[in-house]
C-alpha cells in the first residue's frame, strides 16, 4: 500500500467553538478576536518518500511556515502568536502531540 500524499491547498470553511478553545489556551482577548476573524489557507508540500512536510499558513494578518519530518520531534515557535515554544511530533497516523517546553 502506498503512503498518502498530503500535498495541496486547503481553505478554512468554518471554526466552531474556536474562541472558547483559544480562551482555554489562555490566549488574550484581543488576539482571540483577531484570530477568529481570519480564514487561513494552508499550503502543504509533502514528500511521502522522505516524510518531509512544509506547511505554510497564509492569512491577511501574518503568514507562518513550518518544516518538519513525520515522526520526528521538532520545535514549533509560537512566540508571535502566544509566546509559547513547543516540542511537537506529527506522526503519519493523523495524530499530533504537543507539549509546552516552558
PDB file of N, CA and C in Angstrom:
ATOM      1  N   UNK A   1       0.841  -1.184   0.000  1.00  0.00           N
ATOM      2  CA  UNK A   1       0.000   0.000   0.000  1.00  0.00           C
ATOM      3  C   UNK A   1       0.883   1.243   0.000  1.00  0.00           C
ATOM      4  N   UNK A   2       0.572   2.206  -0.850  1.00  0.00           N
ATOM      5  CA  UNK A   2       1.399   3.399  -0.932  1.00  0.00           C
ATOM      6  C   UNK A   2       1.058   4.369   0.205  1.00  0.00           C
ATOM      7  N   UNK A   3       2.026   5.197   0.548  1.00  0.00           N
ATOM      8  CA  UNK A   3       1.828   6.193   1.595  1.00  0.00           C
ATOM      9  C   UNK A   3       1.011   7.346   1.032  1.00  0.00           C
ATOM     10  N   UNK A   4       0.117   7.923   1.860  1.00  0.00           N
ATOM     11  CA  UNK A   4      -0.674   9.054   1.361  1.00  0.00           C
ATOM     12  C   UNK A   4       0.187  10.290   1.145  1.00  0.00           C
ATOM     13  N   UNK A   5      -0.201  11.090   0.189  1.00  0.00           N
ATOM     14  CA  UNK A   5       0.472  12.349  -0.086  1.00  0.00           C
ATOM     15  C   UNK A   5      -0.498  13.468   0.305  1.00  0.00           C
ATOM     16  N   UNK A   6      -0.087  14.294   1.269  1.00  0.00           N
ATOM     17  CA  UNK A   6      -0.951  15.350   1.794  1.00  0.00           C
ATOM     18  C   UNK A   6      -0.768  16.691   1.079  1.00  0.00           C
ATOM     19  N   UNK A   7      -0.022  16.701  -0.015  1.00  0.00           N
ATOM     20  CA  UNK A   7       0.221  17.936  -0.753  1.00  0.00           C
ATOM     21  C   UNK A   7      -1.096  18.533  -1.249  1.00  0.00           C
ATOM     22  N   UNK A   8      -1.224  19.845  -1.071  1.00  0.00           N
ATOM     23  CA  UNK A   8      -2.416  20.521  -1.564  1.00  0.00           C
ATOM     24  C   UNK A   8      -2.606  21.870  -0.903  1.00  0.00           C
ATOM     25  N   UNK A   9      -3.652  22.548  -1.304  1.00  0.00           N
ATOM     26  CA  UNK A   9      -4.031  23.824  -0.726  1.00  0.00           C
ATOM     27  C   UNK A   9      -5.395  23.647  -0.082  1.00  0.00           C
ATOM     28  N   UNK A  10      -5.503  24.086   1.171  1.00  0.00           N
ATOM     29  CA  UNK A  10      -6.710  23.874   1.960  1.00  0.00           C
ATOM     30  C   UNK A  10      -7.195  25.211   2.516  1.00  0.00           C
ATOM     31  N   UNK A  11      -8.503  25.442   2.422  1.00  0.00           N
ATOM     32  CA  UNK A  11      -9.101  26.693   2.869  1.00  0.00           C
ATOM     33  C   UNK A  11     -10.032  26.416   4.048  1.00  0.00           C
ATOM     34  N   UNK A  12      -9.953  27.251   5.088  1.00  0.00           N
ATOM     35  CA  UNK A  12     -10.843  27.083   6.227  1.00  0.00           C
ATOM     36  C   UNK A  12     -12.274  27.386   5.794  1.00  0.00           C
ATOM     37  N   UNK A  13     -13.170  26.495   6.189  1.00  0.00           N
ATOM     38  CA  UNK A  13     -14.577  26.664   5.864  1.00  0.00           C
ATOM     39  C   UNK A  13     -15.336  27.200   7.080  1.00  0.00           C
ATOM     40  N   UNK A  14     -15.054  26.625   8.260  1.00  0.00           N
ATOM     41  CA  UNK A  14     -15.730  27.081   9.473  1.00  0.00           C
ATOM     42  C   UNK A  14     -14.816  26.824  10.669  1.00  0.00           C
ATOM     43  N   UNK A  15     -15.159  27.453  11.795  1.00  0.00           N
ATOM     44  CA  UNK A  15     -14.396  27.273  13.026  1.00  0.00           C
ATOM     45  C   UNK A  15     -15.363  27.284  14.205  1.00  0.00           C
ATOM     46  N   UNK A  16     -15.905  26.133  14.512  1.00  0.00           N
ATOM     47  CA  UNK A  16     -16.883  26.004  15.576  1.00  0.00           C
ATOM     48  C   UNK A  16     -16.202  26.003  16.938  1.00  0.00           C
ATOM     49  N   UNK A  17     -16.669  26.875  17.838  1.00  0.00           N
ATOM     50  CA  UNK A  17     -16.191  26.943  19.221  1.00  0.00           C
ATOM     51  C   UNK A  17     -14.706  27.296  19.330  1.00  0.00           C
ATOM     52  N   UNK A  18     -14.150  27.903  18.312  1.00  0.00           N
ATOM     53  CA  UNK A  18     -12.719  28.189  18.276  1.00  0.00           C
ATOM     54  C   UNK A  18     -12.311  29.222  19.322  1.00  0.00           C
ATOM     55  N   UNK A  19     -13.150  30.228  19.541  1.00  0.00           N
ATOM     56  CA  UNK A  19     -12.799  31.252  20.528  1.00  0.00           C
ATOM     57  C   UNK A  19     -12.704  30.649  21.928  1.00  0.00           C
ATOM     58  N   UNK A  20     -13.602  29.727  22.267  1.00  0.00           N
ATOM     59  CA  UNK A  20     -13.522  29.062  23.576  1.00  0.00           C
ATOM     60  C   UNK A  20     -12.257  28.220  23.693  1.00  0.00           C
ATOM     61  N   UNK A  21     -11.875  27.583  22.595  1.00  0.00           N
ATOM     62  CA  UNK A  21     -10.636  26.804  22.572  1.00  0.00           C
ATOM     63  C   UNK A  21      -9.433  27.717  22.832  1.00  0.00           C
ATOM     64  N   UNK A  22      -9.390  28.866  22.167  1.00  0.00           N
ATOM     65  CA  UNK A  22      -8.288  29.816  22.367  1.00  0.00           C
ATOM     66  C   UNK A  22      -8.290  30.365  23.787  1.00  0.00           C
ATOM     67  N   UNK A  23      -9.461  30.606  24.349  1.00  0.00           N
ATOM     68  CA  UNK A  23      -9.553  31.080  25.733  1.00  0.00           C
ATOM     69  C   UNK A  23      -8.996  30.028  26.687  1.00  0.00           C
ATOM     70  N   UNK A  24      -9.279  28.755  26.423  1.00  0.00           N
ATOM     71  CA  UNK A  24      -8.752  27.674  27.265  1.00  0.00           C
ATOM     72  C   UNK A  24      -7.232  27.598  27.178  1.00  0.00           C
ATOM     73  N   UNK A  25      -6.664  28.040  26.056  1.00  0.00           N
ATOM     74  CA  UNK A  25      -5.204  28.094  25.906  1.00  0.00           C
ATOM     75  C   UNK A  25      -4.623  29.367  26.515  1.00  0.00           C
ATOM     76  N   UNK A  26      -5.481  30.202  27.092  1.00  0.00           N
ATOM     77  CA  UNK A  26      -5.092  31.452  27.742  1.00  0.00           C
ATOM     78  C   UNK A  26      -4.563  32.481  26.744  1.00  0.00           C
ATOM     79  N   UNK A  27      -5.133  32.472  25.534  1.00  0.00           N
ATOM     80  CA  UNK A  27      -4.813  33.487  24.531  1.00  0.00           C
ATOM     81  C   UNK A  27      -5.571  34.762  24.913  1.00  0.00           C
ATOM     82  N   UNK A  28      -4.907  35.907  24.876  1.00  0.00           N
ATOM     83  CA  UNK A  28      -5.559  37.140  25.327  1.00  0.00           C
ATOM     84  C   UNK A  28      -6.739  37.515  24.437  1.00  0.00           C
ATOM     85  N   UNK A  29      -7.643  38.304  25.005  1.00  0.00           N
ATOM     86  CA  UNK A  29      -8.912  38.664  24.370  1.00  0.00           C
ATOM     87  C   UNK A  29      -8.728  39.270  22.973  1.00  0.00           C
ATOM     88  N   UNK A  30      -7.851  40.261  22.871  1.00  0.00           N
ATOM     89  CA  UNK A  30      -7.663  40.952  21.588  1.00  0.00           C
ATOM     90  C   UNK A  30      -7.167  39.998  20.504  1.00  0.00           C
ATOM     91  N   UNK A  31      -6.196  39.161  20.845  1.00  0.00           N
ATOM     92  CA  UNK A  31      -5.659  38.220  19.874  1.00  0.00           C
ATOM     93  C   UNK A  31      -6.715  37.185  19.486  1.00  0.00           C
ATOM     94  N   UNK A  32      -7.530  36.736  20.444  1.00  0.00           N
ATOM     95  CA  UNK A  32      -8.617  35.797  20.121  1.00  0.00           C
ATOM     96  C   UNK A  32      -9.559  36.400  19.093  1.00  0.00           C
ATOM     97  N   UNK A  33      -9.903  37.676  19.265  1.00  0.00           N
ATOM     98  CA  UNK A  33     -10.822  38.336  18.335  1.00  0.00           C
ATOM     99  C   UNK A  33     -10.219  38.421  16.934  1.00  0.00           C
ATOM    100  N   UNK A  34      -8.930  38.753  16.864  1.00  0.00           N
ATOM    101  CA  UNK A  34      -8.249  38.824  15.558  1.00  0.00           C
ATOM    102  C   UNK A  34      -8.212  37.451  14.903  1.00  0.00           C
ATOM    103  N   UNK A  35      -7.782  36.448  15.656  1.00  0.00           N
ATOM    104  CA  UNK A  35      -7.638  35.100  15.110  1.00  0.00           C
ATOM    105  C   UNK A  35      -8.981  34.572  14.615  1.00  0.00           C
ATOM    106  N   UNK A  36     -10.046  34.832  15.340  1.00  0.00           N
ATOM    107  CA  UNK A  36     -11.355  34.312  14.945  1.00  0.00           C
ATOM    108  C   UNK A  36     -11.904  34.994  13.692  1.00  0.00           C
ATOM    109  N   UNK A  37     -11.363  36.145  13.333  1.00  0.00           N
ATOM    110  CA  UNK A  37     -11.785  36.813  12.098  1.00  0.00           C
ATOM    111  C   UNK A  37     -11.046  36.277  10.873  1.00  0.00           C
ATOM    112  N   UNK A  38      -9.938  35.589  11.079  1.00  0.00           N
ATOM    113  CA  UNK A  38      -9.119  35.115   9.964  1.00  0.00           C
ATOM    114  C   UNK A  38      -9.703  33.852   9.344  1.00  0.00           C
ATOM    115  N   UNK A  39      -9.483  33.701   8.078  1.00  0.00           N
ATOM    116  CA  UNK A  39      -9.837  32.486   7.336  1.00  0.00           C
ATOM    117  C   UNK A  39      -8.567  32.006   6.636  1.00  0.00           C
ATOM    118  N   UNK A  40      -7.694  31.299   7.369  1.00  0.00           N
ATOM    119  CA  UNK A  40      -6.396  30.941   6.795  1.00  0.00           C
ATOM    120  C   UNK A  40      -6.487  29.921   5.665  1.00  0.00           C
ATOM    121  N   UNK A  41      -5.482  29.986   4.824  1.00  0.00           N
ATOM    122  CA  UNK A  41      -5.263  28.992   3.785  1.00  0.00           C
ATOM    123  C   UNK A  41      -3.990  28.237   4.151  1.00  0.00           C
ATOM    124  N   UNK A  42      -4.016  26.921   4.030  1.00  0.00           N
ATOM    125  CA  UNK A  42      -2.837  26.088   4.292  1.00  0.00           C
ATOM    126  C   UNK A  42      -2.326  25.556   2.963  1.00  0.00           C
ATOM    127  N   UNK A  43      -1.045  25.797   2.709  1.00  0.00           N
ATOM    128  CA  UNK A  43      -0.384  25.209   1.546  1.00  0.00           C
ATOM    129  C   UNK A  43       0.570  24.142   2.085  1.00  0.00           C
ATOM    130  N   UNK A  44       0.325  22.908   1.703  1.00  0.00           N
ATOM    131  CA  UNK A  44       1.129  21.796   2.208  1.00  0.00           C
ATOM    132  C   UNK A  44       1.895  21.165   1.060  1.00  0.00           C
ATOM    133  N   UNK A  45       3.205  20.984   1.277  1.00  0.00           N
ATOM    134  CA  UNK A  45       4.052  20.247   0.346  1.00  0.00           C
ATOM    135  C   UNK A  45       4.596  19.059   1.123  1.00  0.00           C
ATOM    136  N   UNK A  46       4.275  17.866   0.661  1.00  0.00           N
ATOM    137  CA  UNK A  46       4.631  16.637   1.376  1.00  0.00           C
ATOM    138  C   UNK A  46       5.342  15.680   0.432  1.00  0.00           C
ATOM    139  N   UNK A  47       6.451  15.136   0.895  1.00  0.00           N
ATOM    140  CA  UNK A  47       7.174  14.109   0.151  1.00  0.00           C
ATOM    141  C   UNK A  47       6.980  12.790   0.896  1.00  0.00           C
ATOM    142  N   UNK A  48       6.081  11.928   0.431  1.00  0.00           N
ATOM    143  CA  UNK A  48       5.817  10.679   1.140  1.00  0.00           C
ATOM    144  C   UNK A  48       7.046   9.775   1.269  1.00  0.00           C
ATOM    145  N   UNK A  49       7.976   9.863   0.329  1.00  0.00           N
ATOM    146  CA  UNK A  49       9.167   9.010   0.374  1.00  0.00           C
ATOM    147  C   UNK A  49      10.068   9.344   1.562  1.00  0.00           C
ATOM    148  N   UNK A  50      10.200  10.634   1.882  1.00  0.00           N
ATOM    149  CA  UNK A  50      11.089  11.049   2.977  1.00  0.00           C
ATOM    150  C   UNK A  50      10.330  11.442   4.241  1.00  0.00           C
ATOM    151  N   UNK A  51       9.026  11.687   4.116  1.00  0.00           N
ATOM    152  CA  UNK A  51       8.232  12.127   5.255  1.00  0.00           C
ATOM    153  C   UNK A  51       8.358  13.619   5.535  1.00  0.00           C
ATOM    154  N   UNK A  52       9.074  14.347   4.687  1.00  0.00           N
ATOM    155  CA  UNK A  52       9.232  15.787   4.941  1.00  0.00           C
ATOM    156  C   UNK A  52       7.949  16.527   4.559  1.00  0.00           C
ATOM    157  N   UNK A  53       7.616  17.520   5.391  1.00  0.00           N
ATOM    158  CA  UNK A  53       6.433  18.340   5.148  1.00  0.00           C
ATOM    159  C   UNK A  53       6.777  19.801   5.338  1.00  0.00           C
ATOM    160  N   UNK A  54       6.199  20.615   4.492  1.00  0.00           N
ATOM    161  CA  UNK A  54       6.285  22.071   4.622  1.00  0.00           C
ATOM    162  C   UNK A  54       4.851  22.566   4.634  1.00  0.00           C
ATOM    163  N   UNK A  55       4.475  23.231   5.713  1.00  0.00           N
ATOM    164  CA  UNK A  55       3.125  23.772   5.830  1.00  0.00           C
ATOM    165  C   UNK A  55       3.226  25.276   5.934  1.00  0.00           C
ATOM    166  N   UNK A  56       2.578  25.946   5.019  1.00  0.00           N
ATOM    167  CA  UNK A  56       2.555  27.408   5.009  1.00  0.00           C
ATOM    168  C   UNK A  56       1.139  27.834   5.320  1.00  0.00           C
ATOM    169  N   UNK A  57       0.975  28.629   6.369  1.00  0.00           N
ATOM    170  CA  UNK A  57      -0.327  29.159   6.745  1.00  0.00           C
ATOM    171  C   UNK A  57      -0.377  30.608   6.299  1.00  0.00           C
ATOM    172  N   UNK A  58      -1.327  30.910   5.441  1.00  0.00           N
ATOM    173  CA  UNK A  58      -1.455  32.250   4.871  1.00  0.00           C
ATOM    174  C   UNK A  58      -2.709  32.926   5.412  1.00  0.00           C
ATOM    175  N   UNK A  59      -2.533  34.124   5.963  1.00  0.00           N
ATOM    176  CA  UNK A  59      -3.668  34.917   6.436  1.00  0.00           C
ATOM    177  C   UNK A  59      -3.444  36.373   6.026  1.00  0.00           C
ATOM    178  N   UNK A  60      -4.465  37.179   6.205  1.00  0.00           N
ATOM    179  CA  UNK A  60      -4.322  38.603   5.920  1.00  0.00           C
ATOM    180  C   UNK A  60      -3.560  39.311   7.041  1.00  0.00           C
ATOM    181  N   UNK A  61      -3.397  38.639   8.173  1.00  0.00           N
ATOM    182  CA  UNK A  61      -2.716  39.222   9.334  1.00  0.00           C
ATOM    183  C   UNK A  61      -1.227  38.898   9.342  1.00  0.00           C
ATOM    184  N   UNK A  62      -0.889  37.606   9.232  1.00  0.00           N
ATOM    185  CA  UNK A  62       0.503  37.166   9.275  1.00  0.00           C
ATOM    186  C   UNK A  62       0.591  35.766   8.689  1.00  0.00           C
ATOM    187  N   UNK A  63       1.701  35.468   8.017  1.00  0.00           N
ATOM    188  CA  UNK A  63       1.934  34.134   7.463  1.00  0.00           C
ATOM    189  C   UNK A  63       2.898  33.373   8.370  1.00  0.00           C
ATOM    190  N   UNK A  64       2.723  32.053   8.419  1.00  0.00           N
ATOM    191  CA  UNK A  64       3.575  31.195   9.244  1.00  0.00           C
ATOM    192  C   UNK A  64       4.045  30.009   8.417  1.00  0.00           C
ATOM    193  N   UNK A  65       5.284  29.586   8.640  1.00  0.00           N
ATOM    194  CA  UNK A  65       5.850  28.423   7.966  1.00  0.00           C
ATOM    195  C   UNK A  65       6.295  27.390   8.987  1.00  0.00           C
ATOM    196  N   UNK A  66       6.072  26.121   8.660  1.00  0.00           N
ATOM    197  CA  UNK A  66       6.572  25.008   9.473  1.00  0.00           C
ATOM    198  C   UNK A  66       7.196  23.986   8.533  1.00  0.00           C
ATOM    199  N   UNK A  67       8.403  23.564   8.842  1.00  0.00           N
ATOM    200  CA  UNK A  67       9.079  22.492   8.108  1.00  0.00           C
ATOM    201  C   UNK A  67       9.411  21.396   9.108  1.00  0.00           C
ATOM    202  N   UNK A  68       9.073  20.157   8.772  1.00  0.00           N
ATOM    203  CA  UNK A  68       9.355  19.050   9.685  1.00  0.00           C
ATOM    204  C   UNK A  68       9.292  17.733   8.929  1.00  0.00           C
ATOM    205  N   UNK A  69       9.699  16.663   9.617  1.00  0.00           N
ATOM    206  CA  UNK A  69       9.571  15.313   9.086  1.00  0.00           C
ATOM    207  C   UNK A  69       8.607  14.549   9.966  1.00  0.00           C
ATOM    208  N   UNK A  70       7.737  13.792   9.342  1.00  0.00           N
ATOM    209  CA  UNK A  70       6.791  12.981  10.088  1.00  0.00           C
ATOM    210  C   UNK A  70       7.540  12.035  11.024  1.00  0.00           C
ATOM    211  N   UNK A  71       7.043  11.932  12.260  1.00  0.00           N
ATOM    212  CA  UNK A  71       7.627  11.016  13.227  1.00  0.00           C
ATOM    213  C   UNK A  71       8.845  11.545  13.952  1.00  0.00           C
ATOM    214  N   UNK A  72       9.308  12.754  13.633  1.00  0.00           N
ATOM    215  CA  UNK A  72      10.468  13.334  14.308  1.00  0.00           C
ATOM    216  C   UNK A  72      10.051  14.568  15.100  1.00  0.00           C
ATOM    217  N   UNK A  73      10.576  14.683  16.319  1.00  0.00           N
ATOM    218  CA  UNK A  73      10.280  15.827  17.171  1.00  0.00           C
ATOM    219  C   UNK A  73      10.933  17.071  16.588  1.00  0.00           C
ATOM    220  N   UNK A  74      10.187  18.176  16.599  1.00  0.00           N
ATOM    221  CA  UNK A  74      10.739  19.456  16.163  1.00  0.00           C
ATOM    222  C   UNK A  74      10.211  20.550  17.078  1.00  0.00           C
ATOM    223  N   UNK A  75      10.865  21.698  17.059  1.00  0.00           N
ATOM    224  CA  UNK A  75      10.460  22.830  17.877  1.00  0.00           C
ATOM    225  C   UNK A  75       9.558  23.736  17.067  1.00  0.00           C
ATOM    226  N   UNK A  76       8.372  23.997  17.612  1.00  0.00           N
ATOM    227  CA  UNK A  76       7.436  24.914  16.981  1.00  0.00           C
ATOM    228  C   UNK A  76       7.438  26.190  17.798  1.00  0.00           C
ATOM    229  N   UNK A  77       7.835  27.271  17.179  1.00  0.00           N
ATOM    230  CA  UNK A  77       7.915  28.565  17.866  1.00  0.00           C
ATOM    231  C   UNK A  77       6.610  29.319  17.655  1.00  0.00           C
ATOM    232  N   UNK A  78       5.781  29.348  18.682  1.00  0.00           N
ATOM    233  CA  UNK A  78       4.517  30.066  18.627  1.00  0.00           C
ATOM    234  C   UNK A  78       4.637  31.439  19.263  1.00  0.00           C
ATOM    235  N   UNK A  79       5.876  31.904  19.418  1.00  0.00           N
ATOM    236  CA  UNK A  79       6.136  33.199  20.029  1.00  0.00           C
ATOM    237  C   UNK A  79       5.332  34.337  19.439  1.00  0.00           C
ATOM    238  N   UNK A  80       5.273  34.451  18.108  1.00  0.00           N
ATOM    239  CA  UNK A  80       4.489  35.551  17.533  1.00  0.00           C
ATOM    240  C   UNK A  80       2.992  35.439  17.830  1.00  0.00           C
ATOM    241  N   UNK A  81       2.516  34.237  18.093  1.00  0.00           N
ATOM    242  CA  UNK A  81       1.092  34.031  18.334  1.00  0.00           C
ATOM    243  C   UNK A  81       0.750  34.228  19.808  1.00  0.00           C
ATOM    244  N   UNK A  82       1.389  33.424  20.666  1.00  0.00           N
ATOM    245  CA  UNK A  82       1.019  33.479  22.081  1.00  0.00           C
ATOM    246  C   UNK A  82       2.200  33.314  23.034  1.00  0.00           C
ATOM    247  N   UNK A  83       3.420  33.372  22.514  1.00  0.00           N
ATOM    248  CA  UNK A  83       4.594  33.337  23.374  1.00  0.00           C
ATOM    249  C   UNK A  83       5.110  31.956  23.713  1.00  0.00           C
ATOM    250  N   UNK A  84       4.442  30.896  23.251  1.00  0.00           N
ATOM    251  CA  UNK A  84       4.878  29.537  23.599  1.00  0.00           C
ATOM    252  C   UNK A  84       5.905  29.007  22.602  1.00  0.00           C
ATOM    253  N   UNK A  85       6.763  28.138  23.103  1.00  0.00           N
ATOM    254  CA  UNK A  85       7.642  27.321  22.276  1.00  0.00           C
ATOM    255  C   UNK A  85       7.330  25.880  22.658  1.00  0.00           C
ATOM    256  N   UNK A  86       7.007  25.058  21.668  1.00  0.00           N
ATOM    257  CA  UNK A  86       6.570  23.687  21.932  1.00  0.00           C
ATOM    258  C   UNK A  86       7.463  22.690  21.217  1.00  0.00           C
ATOM    259  N   UNK A  87       7.597  21.522  21.824  1.00  0.00           N
ATOM    260  CA  UNK A  87       8.200  20.383  21.157  1.00  0.00           C
ATOM    261  C   UNK A  87       7.039  19.569  20.590  1.00  0.00           C
ATOM    262  N   UNK A  88       7.079  19.296  19.291  1.00  0.00           N
ATOM    263  CA  UNK A  88       5.953  18.677  18.601  1.00  0.00           C
ATOM    264  C   UNK A  88       6.452  17.479  17.802  1.00  0.00           C
ATOM    265  N   UNK A  89       5.612  16.458  17.739  1.00  0.00           N
ATOM    266  CA  UNK A  89       5.868  15.326  16.847  1.00  0.00           C
ATOM    267  C   UNK A  89       4.568  15.022  16.125  1.00  0.00           C
ATOM    268  N   UNK A  90       4.625  15.047  14.802  1.00  0.00           N
ATOM    269  CA  UNK A  90       3.455  14.721  13.983  1.00  0.00           C
ATOM    270  C   UNK A  90       3.724  13.347  13.391  1.00  0.00           C
ATOM    271  N   UNK A  91       2.817  12.407  13.658  1.00  0.00           N
ATOM    272  CA  UNK A  91       3.017  11.060  13.118  1.00  0.00           C
ATOM    273  C   UNK A  91       2.123  10.849  11.908  1.00  0.00           C
ATOM    274  N   UNK A  92       2.424   9.866  11.126  1.00  0.00           N
ATOM    275  CA  UNK A  92       1.713   9.650   9.870  1.00  0.00           C
ATOM    276  C   UNK A  92       0.334   9.046  10.063  1.00  0.00           C
ATOM    277  N   UNK A  93      -0.035   8.699  11.283  1.00  0.00           N
ATOM    278  CA  UNK A  93      -1.370   8.133  11.502  1.00  0.00           C
ATOM    279  C   UNK A  93      -2.371   9.224  11.878  1.00  0.00           C
ATOM    280  N   UNK A  94      -2.113  10.449  11.415  1.00  0.00           N
ATOM    281  CA  UNK A  94      -3.012  11.591  11.580  1.00  0.00           C
ATOM    282  C   UNK A  94      -3.171  12.045  13.024  1.00  0.00           C
ATOM    283  N   UNK A  95      -2.143  11.877  13.835  1.00  0.00           N
ATOM    284  CA  UNK A  95      -2.221  12.389  15.200  1.00  0.00           C
ATOM    285  C   UNK A  95      -1.088  13.365  15.415  1.00  0.00           C
ATOM    286  N   UNK A  96      -1.293  14.284  16.325  1.00  0.00           N
ATOM    287  CA  UNK A  96      -0.255  15.254  16.672  1.00  0.00           C
ATOM    288  C   UNK A  96      -0.215  15.408  18.180  1.00  0.00           C
ATOM    289  N   UNK A  97       0.964  15.426  18.745  1.00  0.00           N
ATOM    290  CA  UNK A  97       1.128  15.607  20.181  1.00  0.00           C
ATOM    291  C   UNK A  97       2.019  16.807  20.382  1.00  0.00           C
ATOM    292  N   UNK A  98       1.627  17.681  21.278  1.00  0.00           N
ATOM    293  CA  UNK A  98       2.382  18.898  21.532  1.00  0.00           C
ATOM    294  C   UNK A  98       2.566  19.057  23.021  1.00  0.00           C
ATOM    295  N   UNK A  99       3.729  19.526  23.421  1.00  0.00           N
ATOM    296  CA  UNK A  99       3.995  19.764  24.828  1.00  0.00           C
ATOM    297  C   UNK A  99       4.720  21.080  24.953  1.00  0.00           C
ATOM    298  N   UNK A 100       4.216  21.947  25.833  1.00  0.00           N
ATOM    299  CA  UNK A 100       4.909  23.213  26.098  1.00  0.00           C
ATOM    300  C   UNK A 100       6.278  22.898  26.668  1.00  0.00           C
ATOM    301  N   UNK A 101       7.288  23.620  26.199  1.00  0.00           N
ATOM    302  CA  UNK A 101       8.629  23.398  26.737  1.00  0.00           C
ATOM    303  C   UNK A 101       8.910  24.346  27.891  1.00  0.00           C
ATOM    304  N   UNK A 102       8.010  25.250  28.195  1.00  0.00           N
ATOM    305  CA  UNK A 102       8.280  26.199  29.252  1.00  0.00           C
ATOM    306  C   UNK A 102       7.241  26.306  30.256  1.00  0.00           C
TER     307      UNK A 102
END
